[in-house]
Amino acid sequence: MTTTVRDLDRHPLPNAAISGWWLPLHLFRSLAKHFRDQRDYEHLRDLPDYLLKDIGISRQEIGEKDPYPFF
């Protein structure tokens, strides 16, 4: 089940209770995205050159877009 903006408007709790979850949820999503990106770059670095050429990127592009540390 997906939650839409309209569903949040009908939520029985006051807006302050809903907005109180925004920061922890945002931090969790940011951490999850960072670790997912880090994993994806590790997989790309492990691919052989012929597969990278097949998907249209070079090893140099992987190094240029390497994710920065989270902190």
C-alpha atoms as a PDB file:
ATOM      1  CA  MET A   1       0.000   0.000   0.000  1.00  0.00           C
ATOM      2  CA  THR A   2       1.425   3.360  -0.974  1.00  0.00           C
ATOM      3  CA  THR A   3       0.850   6.525   1.007  1.00  0.00           C
ATOM      4  CA  THR A   4      -0.077   9.677  -0.827  1.00  0.00           C
ATOM      5  CA  VAL A   5      -0.290  13.275   0.286  1.00  0.00           C
ATOM      6  CA  ARG A   6      -4.059  12.948   0.455  1.00  0.00           C
ATOM      7  CA  ASP A   7      -3.713  10.004   2.842  1.00  0.00           C
ATOM      8  CA  LEU A   8      -1.512  12.089   5.142  1.00  0.00           C
ATOM      9  CA  ASP A   9      -4.102  14.878   5.157  1.00  0.00           C
ATOM     10  CA  ARG A  10      -6.690  12.402   6.462  1.00  0.00           C
ATOM     11  CA  HIS A  11      -4.376  11.007   9.126  1.00  0.00           C
ATOM     12  CA  PRO A  12      -5.990  11.180  12.600  1.00  0.00           C
ATOM     13  CA  LEU A  13      -2.817  12.464  14.292  1.00  0.00           C
ATOM     14  CA  PRO A  14      -2.003  16.157  14.309  1.00  0.00           C
ATOM     15  CA  ASN A  15       0.458  17.433  11.710  1.00  0.00           C
ATOM     16  CA  ALA A  16       3.118  17.883  14.400  1.00  0.00           C
ATOM     17  CA  ALA A  17       3.088  14.135  15.080  1.00  0.00           C
ATOM     18  CA  ILE A  18       3.505  13.357  11.403  1.00  0.00           C
ATOM     19  CA  SER A  19       6.242  15.931  10.897  1.00  0.00           C
ATOM     20  CA  GLY A  20       8.098  14.571  13.928  1.00  0.00           C
ATOM     21  CA  TRP A  21       8.870  11.469  11.883  1.00  0.00           C
ATOM     22  CA  TRP A  22      10.295  13.439   8.964  1.00  0.00           C
ATOM     23  CA  LEU A  23      13.878  13.822  10.260  1.00  0.00           C
ATOM     24  CA  PRO A  24      14.480  10.194  11.314  1.00  0.00           C
ATOM     25  CA  LEU A  25      12.869   8.973   8.106  1.00  0.00           C
ATOM     26  CA  HIS A  26      14.976  11.361   6.027  1.00  0.00           C
ATOM     27  CA  LEU A  27      18.171  10.235   7.795  1.00  0.00           C
ATOM     28  CA  PHE A  28      17.283   6.583   7.288  1.00  0.00           C
ATOM     29  CA  ARG A  29      16.594   7.134   3.574  1.00  0.00           C
ATOM     30  CA  SER A  30      19.849   9.081   3.189  1.00  0.00           C
ATOM     31  CA  LEU A  31      21.848   6.309   4.832  1.00  0.00           C
ATOM     32  CA  ALA A  32      20.100   3.655   2.764  1.00  0.00           C
ATOM     33  CA  LYS A  33      20.810   5.567  -0.464  1.00  0.00           C
ATOM     34  CA  HIS A  34      24.464   6.047   0.492  1.00  0.00           C
ATOM     35  CA  PHE A  35      25.002   2.348   1.179  1.00  0.00           C
ATOM     36  CA  ARG A  36      23.085   1.347  -1.965  1.00  0.00           C
ATOM     37  CA  ASP A  37      25.210   3.715  -4.089  1.00  0.00           C
ATOM     38  CA  GLN A  38      28.392   2.437  -2.440  1.00  0.00           C
ATOM     39  CA  ARG A  39      27.394  -1.155  -3.192  1.00  0.00           C
ATOM     40  CA  ASP A  40      26.557  -0.294  -6.804  1.00  0.00           C
ATOM     41  CA  TYR A  41      29.931   1.393  -7.354  1.00  0.00           C
ATOM     42  CA  GLU A  42      31.705  -1.615  -5.871  1.00  0.00           C
ATOM     43  CA  HIS A  43      29.867  -3.861  -8.329  1.00  0.00           C
ATOM     44  CA  LEU A  44      30.779  -1.560 -11.220  1.00  0.00           C
ATOM     45  CA  ARG A  45      34.447  -1.551 -10.197  1.00  0.00           C
ATOM     46  CA  ASP A  46      34.436  -5.359 -10.200  1.00  0.00           C
ATOM     47  CA  LEU A  47      33.064  -5.638 -13.750  1.00  0.00           C
ATOM     48  CA  PRO A  48      35.502  -6.467 -16.547  1.00  0.00           C
ATOM     49  CA  ASP A  49      36.215  -3.796 -19.171  1.00  0.00           C
ATOM     50  CA  TYR A  50      34.259  -5.506 -21.942  1.00  0.00           C
ATOM     51  CA  LEU A  51      31.056  -5.413 -19.849  1.00  0.00           C
ATOM     52  CA  LEU A  52      31.591  -1.769 -18.952  1.00  0.00           C
ATOM     53  CA  LYS A  53      32.009  -1.004 -22.649  1.00  0.00           C
ATOM     54  CA  ASP A  54      28.805  -2.925 -23.332  1.00  0.00           C
ATOM     55  CA  ILE A  55      26.790  -0.707 -20.963  1.00  0.00           C
ATOM     56  CA  GLY A  56      28.498   2.433 -22.267  1.00  0.00           C
ATOM     57  CA  ILE A  57      30.737   3.593 -19.436  1.00  0.00           C
ATOM     58  CA  SER A  58      34.475   3.567 -18.960  1.00  0.00           C
ATOM     59  CA  ARG A  59      36.518   2.703 -15.904  1.00  0.00           C
ATOM     60  CA  GLN A  60      37.571   6.358 -15.748  1.00  0.00           C
ATOM     61  CA  GLU A  61      33.935   7.476 -15.440  1.00  0.00           C
ATOM     62  CA  ILE A  62      33.451   5.131 -12.507  1.00  0.00           C
ATOM     63  CA  GLY A  63      36.436   6.698 -10.753  1.00  0.00           C
ATOM     64  CA  GLU A  64      35.180  10.236 -11.426  1.00  0.00           C
ATOM     65  CA  LYS A  65      31.730   9.501  -9.994  1.00  0.00           C
ATOM     66  CA  ASP A  66      32.935   7.417  -7.090  1.00  0.00           C
ATOM     67  CA  PRO A  67      30.686   8.160  -4.101  1.00  0.00           C
ATOM     68  CA  TYR A  68      32.098  10.424  -1.436  1.00  0.00           C
ATOM     69  CA  PRO A  69      32.262   9.351   2.203  1.00  0.00           C
ATOM     70  CA  PHE A  70      29.036   9.747   4.144  1.00  0.00           C
ATOM     71  CA  PHE A  71      30.538  11.876   6.883  1.00  0.00           C
END
